[in-house]
C-alpha cells in the first residue's frame, strides 16, 4: 500500500513539475512569490497530476502499452487546450497572437500553435512523467477502484478550476461549434485508445540511442518553433515530420521509454532556463536548481535495475 501511494504521489507531482515548472511557464509574468508558486503547483496537481495518474492507470489495468498512453495523452491535450483554457481558439490568449501562424479560417485555429501545444502535453505533461515514474515503480496498476473514483473527482475539480481561472483572465468563450468539435475529437481519441488491442512488447533498443533520439528530436522541435526561422506552414511540416520519425523509431526499435523521456526532459531543462533568464537573477537561480534536480532524477531513473522491460 505504501509503495503504491508513493508511486501515485510521485507521478501526480512529476506531471505538473514538468508541464509548467521545468518549462518555466511560471516566469511568463516575472518571478512569482513562493506562496503563489505553491498555489499554482497545487492547482496543477489536480489537472496534470490527476490526468497523468488516470491515463497511466487505465492503460496498465487494460494491459496496454505506450500507443494507448500516447493516444489518451493526445485526447487530454485537445481537451485542455480546446475546452478548458481554449487557447486553440483564443486569438489573444495572454495578450499573444497565437493563432496567426498557419491560421486555418474554417476551423478558427492556428495550425502551428495547435501542433505545438498539443505535443507539449503528449510528450512532457503526460508521457515523460509516466516513463520516469515507471522506471522507479514499475508497470503494475497502482490504484484500486476507490482510488480511481477519487482521482476522477480530483480531475473534475482541476478541470473546473482551470476553466474558471482561464475564463476570468479574458472572458473568452469559443464558438459552440468549436467547443463541440474539440469535444468530439477528444472523445474520438479516447474511444480509439480504448479500442487499441496491442499489448506491451519487450524492449530491444539501446538506451543510449533512445536518449540521443529523444534529445535531438525534442530539441529540433523546440528550436524550429521558437526561432521562427521557417515560415509557419513549413514549421508545421517539420514538427509533424519529427513526431512521425520518433513514432516510427519507437515502434520499430522499441527503446526503453525512459531513454526517450530522458532526452525530452533535458530539452525542457534548457527551454525553461532561457525563460527564467529573461525574468531575472532570482528566477535563473531557482530554475537552475530545478534543472539540476531533474537531471539527478533522470539519471537515477535511467540507472534503475528495475526499469520496465516492456514498452
Protein backbone atom coordinates (compact mmCIF):
# COMPACT_ATOMS: atom_id res chain seq x y z
CA UNK A 1 0.00 0.00 0.00
CA UNK A 2 2.80 2.44 0.88
CA UNK A 3 4.59 1.54 -2.34
CA UNK A 4 1.51 2.29 -4.45
CA UNK A 5 0.79 5.54 -2.63
CA UNK A 6 4.37 6.68 -3.15
CA UNK A 7 4.20 5.81 -6.83
CA UNK A 8 0.94 7.71 -7.32
CA UNK A 9 2.19 10.73 -5.39
CA UNK A 10 5.40 10.77 -7.43
CA UNK A 11 3.57 10.76 -10.75
CA UNK A 12 1.00 13.31 -9.57
CA UNK A 13 3.86 15.65 -8.63
CA UNK A 14 6.08 14.98 -11.66
CA UNK A 15 3.41 15.81 -14.23
CA UNK A 16 2.82 19.46 -13.18
CA UNK A 17 6.50 19.84 -12.36
CA UNK A 18 7.39 19.06 -15.97
CA UNK A 19 4.35 20.64 -17.61
CA UNK A 20 4.68 24.10 -16.07
CA UNK A 21 7.71 24.48 -13.82
CA UNK A 22 10.52 22.80 -15.73
CA UNK A 23 9.23 24.57 -18.84
CA UNK A 24 9.49 27.88 -16.99
CA UNK A 25 5.90 28.94 -17.61
CA UNK A 26 5.63 30.25 -14.04
CA UNK A 27 8.03 33.03 -15.07
CA UNK A 28 5.98 34.34 -18.00
CA UNK A 29 4.76 37.25 -15.86
CA UNK A 30 8.01 37.60 -13.93
CA UNK A 31 9.22 35.68 -10.87
CA UNK A 32 6.13 34.94 -8.75
CA UNK A 33 6.16 34.76 -4.97
CA UNK A 34 6.80 31.41 -3.32
CA UNK A 35 3.25 31.24 -1.99
CA UNK A 36 1.83 31.82 -5.43
CA UNK A 37 4.08 29.13 -6.89
CA UNK A 38 2.84 26.62 -4.31
CA UNK A 39 -0.77 27.53 -5.06
CA UNK A 40 -0.10 27.13 -8.79
CA UNK A 41 1.52 23.76 -8.18
CA UNK A 42 -1.42 22.53 -6.07
CA UNK A 43 -3.92 23.50 -8.76
CA UNK A 44 -1.80 21.90 -11.46
CA UNK A 45 -1.68 18.63 -9.50
CA UNK A 46 -5.48 18.45 -9.77
CA UNK A 47 -5.24 18.85 -13.55
CA UNK A 48 -1.94 17.48 -14.88
CA UNK A 49 -1.27 15.12 -11.99
CA UNK A 50 -4.74 13.58 -11.93
CA UNK A 51 -4.75 13.33 -15.73
CA UNK A 52 -1.41 11.52 -15.83
CA UNK A 53 -2.37 9.15 -13.00
CA UNK A 54 -5.67 8.18 -14.64
CA UNK A 55 -4.21 7.82 -18.14
CA UNK A 56 -1.48 5.53 -16.90
CA UNK A 57 -3.84 3.54 -14.71
CA UNK A 58 -6.39 2.96 -17.47
CA UNK A 59 -3.69 1.78 -19.87
CA UNK A 60 -1.92 -0.50 -17.41
CA UNK A 61 -5.10 -2.01 -15.96
CA UNK A 62 -6.05 -2.96 -19.54
CA UNK A 63 -2.53 -4.36 -20.08
CA UNK A 64 -1.93 -1.86 -22.86
CA UNK A 65 1.33 -0.19 -23.80
CA UNK A 66 2.53 3.20 -24.96
CA UNK A 67 0.27 3.52 -28.02
CA UNK A 68 -2.70 3.65 -25.65
CA UNK A 69 -0.97 6.06 -23.28
CA UNK A 70 0.06 8.41 -26.09
CA UNK A 71 -3.41 8.39 -27.66
CA UNK A 72 -5.04 9.15 -24.31
CA UNK A 73 -2.47 11.91 -23.77
CA UNK A 74 -3.41 13.35 -27.15
CA UNK A 75 -7.05 13.41 -26.07
CA UNK A 76 -6.01 15.11 -22.85
CA UNK A 77 -4.12 17.81 -24.75
CA UNK A 78 -7.07 18.52 -27.04
CA UNK A 79 -9.44 18.69 -24.06
CA UNK A 80 -7.27 21.03 -22.02
CA UNK A 81 -6.39 23.45 -24.81
CA UNK A 82 -9.70 23.20 -26.67
CA UNK A 83 -12.25 23.02 -23.86
CA UNK A 84 -10.63 24.37 -20.69
CA UNK A 85 -8.07 27.08 -21.47
CA UNK A 86 -9.35 27.27 -25.08
CA UNK A 87 -6.01 28.52 -26.38
CA UNK A 88 -6.69 26.63 -29.62
CA UNK A 89 -9.42 29.17 -30.44
CA UNK A 90 -8.48 32.33 -28.48
CA UNK A 91 -6.63 34.75 -30.81
CA UNK A 92 -5.38 36.90 -27.92
CA UNK A 93 -4.69 34.46 -25.08
CA UNK A 94 -2.37 36.14 -22.53
CA UNK A 95 -2.06 39.02 -24.97
CA UNK A 96 -0.29 36.82 -27.53
CA UNK A 97 -1.13 36.29 -31.18
CA UNK A 98 -1.07 32.52 -31.03
CA UNK A 99 -3.36 31.70 -33.94
CA UNK A 100 -1.87 33.84 -36.71
CA UNK A 101 0.91 31.42 -37.81
CA UNK A 102 -0.60 28.87 -40.21
CA UNK A 103 -4.13 30.07 -39.49
CA UNK A 104 -6.96 27.81 -40.68
CA UNK A 105 -10.04 30.07 -41.08
CA UNK A 106 -12.73 27.38 -41.35
CA UNK A 107 -11.59 25.87 -38.05
CA UNK A 108 -10.59 29.09 -36.35
CA UNK A 109 -7.29 27.60 -35.15
CA UNK A 110 -3.62 28.23 -35.75
CA UNK A 111 -2.00 25.15 -37.24
CA UNK A 112 1.39 25.92 -35.76
CA UNK A 113 0.13 26.57 -32.23
CA UNK A 114 -2.19 23.56 -32.29
CA UNK A 115 0.57 21.12 -33.22
CA UNK A 116 2.99 22.69 -30.76
CA UNK A 117 0.84 22.93 -27.64
CA UNK A 118 -0.84 19.53 -28.02
CA UNK A 119 2.59 17.95 -28.47
CA UNK A 120 3.77 19.62 -25.27
CA UNK A 121 1.02 17.85 -23.36
CA UNK A 122 1.55 14.47 -25.00
CA UNK A 123 5.33 14.41 -24.58
CA UNK A 124 6.07 16.46 -21.48
CA UNK A 125 2.88 16.75 -19.43
CA UNK A 126 1.94 13.05 -19.63
CA UNK A 127 4.38 10.65 -21.32
CA UNK A 128 7.68 11.82 -19.81
CA UNK A 129 6.43 11.85 -16.18
CA UNK A 130 4.85 8.41 -16.64
CA UNK A 131 8.07 6.98 -18.09
CA UNK A 132 10.13 8.36 -15.20
CA UNK A 133 7.67 7.18 -12.54
CA UNK A 134 7.50 3.69 -14.03
CA UNK A 135 11.29 3.48 -14.11
CA UNK A 136 11.15 3.62 -10.31
CA UNK A 137 7.86 1.86 -9.56
CA UNK A 138 7.19 -0.49 -12.47
CA UNK A 139 4.25 -1.09 -14.79
CA UNK A 140 1.73 -2.76 -12.49
CA UNK A 141 -1.52 -0.93 -11.66
CA UNK A 142 -1.28 1.32 -8.61
CA UNK A 143 -4.92 2.16 -7.90
CA UNK A 144 -7.89 0.16 -6.65
CA UNK A 145 -11.41 1.07 -7.70
CA UNK A 146 -11.99 3.66 -4.90
CA UNK A 147 -8.72 5.32 -5.90
CA UNK A 148 -9.86 5.55 -9.50
CA UNK A 149 -13.04 7.30 -8.44
CA UNK A 150 -11.17 9.62 -6.07
CA UNK A 151 -8.67 10.71 -8.71
CA UNK A 152 -11.51 11.15 -11.21
CA UNK A 153 -13.14 13.59 -8.80
CA UNK A 154 -9.81 15.39 -8.39
CA UNK A 155 -9.53 15.70 -12.17
CA UNK A 156 -13.04 17.14 -12.45
CA UNK A 157 -12.13 19.72 -9.80
CA UNK A 158 -8.94 20.55 -11.67
CA UNK A 159 -10.81 20.95 -14.95
CA UNK A 160 -13.38 23.25 -13.36
CA UNK A 161 -10.70 25.37 -11.68
CA UNK A 162 -8.67 25.63 -14.87
CA UNK A 163 -11.69 26.71 -16.91
CA UNK A 164 -12.69 29.28 -14.28
CA UNK A 165 -9.20 30.80 -14.00
CA UNK A 166 -8.74 30.92 -17.77
CA UNK A 167 -12.15 32.50 -18.32
CA UNK A 168 -11.52 35.15 -15.69
CA UNK A 169 -8.34 36.24 -17.48
CA UNK A 170 -10.13 37.43 -20.60
CA UNK A 171 -13.75 36.26 -20.50
CA UNK A 172 -13.18 34.44 -23.78
CA UNK A 173 -15.50 31.65 -24.82
CA UNK A 174 -15.07 29.79 -28.08
CA UNK A 175 -17.93 29.34 -30.52
CA UNK A 176 -20.27 26.42 -29.75
CA UNK A 177 -19.23 24.64 -32.94
CA UNK A 178 -15.57 24.88 -31.90
CA UNK A 179 -16.27 23.52 -28.43
CA UNK A 180 -18.38 20.68 -29.83
CA UNK A 181 -15.66 19.90 -32.36
CA UNK A 182 -12.95 19.80 -29.69
CA UNK A 183 -15.12 17.55 -27.52
CA UNK A 184 -15.78 15.15 -30.39
CA UNK A 185 -12.08 14.97 -31.29
CA UNK A 186 -11.10 14.28 -27.68
CA UNK A 187 -13.87 11.70 -27.27
CA UNK A 188 -12.89 10.02 -30.54
CA UNK A 189 -9.29 9.75 -29.40
CA UNK A 190 -10.36 8.21 -26.08
CA UNK A 191 -12.52 5.70 -27.96
CA UNK A 192 -9.64 4.86 -30.29
CA UNK A 193 -7.24 4.47 -27.38
CA UNK A 194 -9.55 2.05 -25.59
CA UNK A 195 -10.03 0.05 -28.78
CA UNK A 196 -6.30 -0.46 -29.27
CA UNK A 197 -5.53 -4.09 -28.55
CA UNK A 198 -1.73 -4.11 -28.85
CA UNK A 199 -0.17 -5.36 -25.64
CA UNK A 200 3.25 -4.17 -24.39
CA UNK A 201 6.20 -5.62 -26.30
CA UNK A 202 9.69 -6.43 -24.99
CA UNK A 203 12.26 -3.64 -25.13
CA UNK A 204 15.13 -4.33 -27.50
CA UNK A 205 16.63 -0.94 -28.44
CA UNK A 206 19.71 0.62 -26.88
CA UNK A 207 19.09 3.09 -24.06
CA UNK A 208 21.83 5.49 -25.14
CA UNK A 209 20.44 5.67 -28.67
CA UNK A 210 16.95 6.28 -27.35
CA UNK A 211 18.27 9.16 -25.27
CA UNK A 212 20.04 10.69 -28.29
CA UNK A 213 16.92 10.37 -30.43
CA UNK A 214 14.74 11.88 -27.70
CA UNK A 215 17.14 14.75 -27.10
CA UNK A 216 17.78 15.63 -30.75
CA UNK A 217 14.16 15.31 -31.85
CA UNK A 218 12.75 17.33 -28.95
CA UNK A 219 15.47 19.96 -29.28
CA UNK A 220 14.82 20.33 -33.02
CA UNK A 221 11.09 20.56 -32.27
CA UNK A 222 11.60 23.40 -29.80
CA UNK A 223 14.18 25.22 -31.93
CA UNK A 224 12.11 25.23 -35.09
CA UNK A 225 9.13 26.58 -33.14
CA UNK A 226 10.87 29.19 -31.04
CA UNK A 227 13.34 30.62 -33.55
CA UNK A 228 10.82 31.14 -36.33
CA UNK A 229 13.50 30.78 -39.00
CA UNK A 230 11.00 28.91 -41.19
CA UNK A 231 7.63 30.18 -42.45
CA UNK A 232 4.60 28.90 -40.47
CA UNK A 233 3.49 26.01 -42.67
CA UNK A 234 7.00 24.62 -43.21
CA UNK A 235 7.41 24.85 -39.43
CA UNK A 236 4.27 22.75 -39.01
CA UNK A 237 5.57 20.26 -41.56
CA UNK A 238 8.93 19.92 -39.79
CA UNK A 239 7.30 19.46 -36.38
CA UNK A 240 4.97 16.76 -37.71
CA UNK A 241 7.86 15.07 -39.52
CA UNK A 242 9.88 14.97 -36.29
CA UNK A 243 6.96 13.44 -34.44
CA UNK A 244 6.42 10.85 -37.16
CA UNK A 245 10.10 9.95 -37.15
CA UNK A 246 10.13 9.39 -33.38
CA UNK A 247 6.96 7.30 -33.53
CA UNK A 248 8.44 5.18 -36.33
CA UNK A 249 11.70 4.77 -34.42
CA UNK A 250 9.94 3.83 -31.17
CA UNK A 251 7.63 1.37 -32.95
CA UNK A 252 10.38 -0.36 -34.88
CA UNK A 253 13.33 -0.25 -32.47
CA UNK A 254 11.40 -0.25 -29.16
CA UNK A 255 13.91 1.50 -26.90
CA UNK A 256 13.22 1.82 -23.16
CA UNK A 257 10.63 4.55 -22.68
CA UNK A 258 12.78 6.18 -20.03
CA UNK A 259 15.54 6.78 -22.59
CA UNK A 260 13.30 8.86 -24.85
CA UNK A 261 11.82 10.59 -21.80
CA UNK A 262 15.30 11.48 -20.51
CA UNK A 263 16.14 13.21 -23.78
CA UNK A 264 12.87 15.15 -23.70
CA UNK A 265 13.46 16.16 -20.07
CA UNK A 266 16.90 17.60 -20.86
CA UNK A 267 15.37 19.64 -23.67
CA UNK A 268 12.74 21.11 -21.37
CA UNK A 269 15.52 22.00 -18.97
CA UNK A 270 17.27 24.38 -21.36
CA UNK A 271 13.96 25.78 -22.63
CA UNK A 272 12.93 26.64 -19.06
CA UNK A 273 16.30 28.17 -18.30
CA UNK A 274 16.00 30.55 -21.24
CA UNK A 275 12.62 31.70 -19.96
CA UNK A 276 13.98 32.16 -16.44
CA UNK A 277 16.99 34.17 -17.62
CA UNK A 278 14.63 36.71 -19.17
CA UNK A 279 12.84 37.01 -15.80
CA UNK A 280 15.94 37.92 -13.78
CA UNK A 281 18.61 36.53 -11.48
CA UNK A 282 16.32 35.05 -8.82
CA UNK A 283 14.34 33.15 -11.43
CA UNK A 284 17.54 31.92 -13.07
CA UNK A 285 18.92 30.58 -9.79
CA UNK A 286 15.67 28.86 -8.91
CA UNK A 287 15.31 27.35 -12.36
CA UNK A 288 18.92 26.17 -12.33
CA UNK A 289 18.26 24.27 -9.11
CA UNK A 290 15.13 22.76 -10.63
CA UNK A 291 17.01 21.66 -13.74
CA UNK A 292 19.82 20.19 -11.65
CA UNK A 293 17.33 18.23 -9.57
CA UNK A 294 15.62 16.99 -12.72
CA UNK A 295 18.92 15.78 -14.15
CA UNK A 296 19.66 13.85 -10.96
CA UNK A 297 16.19 12.32 -11.09
CA UNK A 298 16.55 11.34 -14.74
CA UNK A 299 19.98 9.77 -14.20
CA UNK A 300 18.63 7.80 -11.24
CA UNK A 301 15.64 6.64 -13.29
CA UNK A 302 17.82 5.53 -16.20
CA UNK A 303 20.12 3.58 -13.90
CA UNK A 304 17.38 1.71 -12.09
CA UNK A 305 17.75 -2.06 -12.40
CA UNK A 306 14.01 -2.36 -12.22
CA UNK A 307 13.38 -0.26 -15.31
CA UNK A 308 10.41 -1.84 -17.12
CA UNK A 309 11.46 -4.26 -19.83
CA UNK A 310 8.30 -3.72 -21.88
CA UNK A 311 7.22 -0.72 -23.92
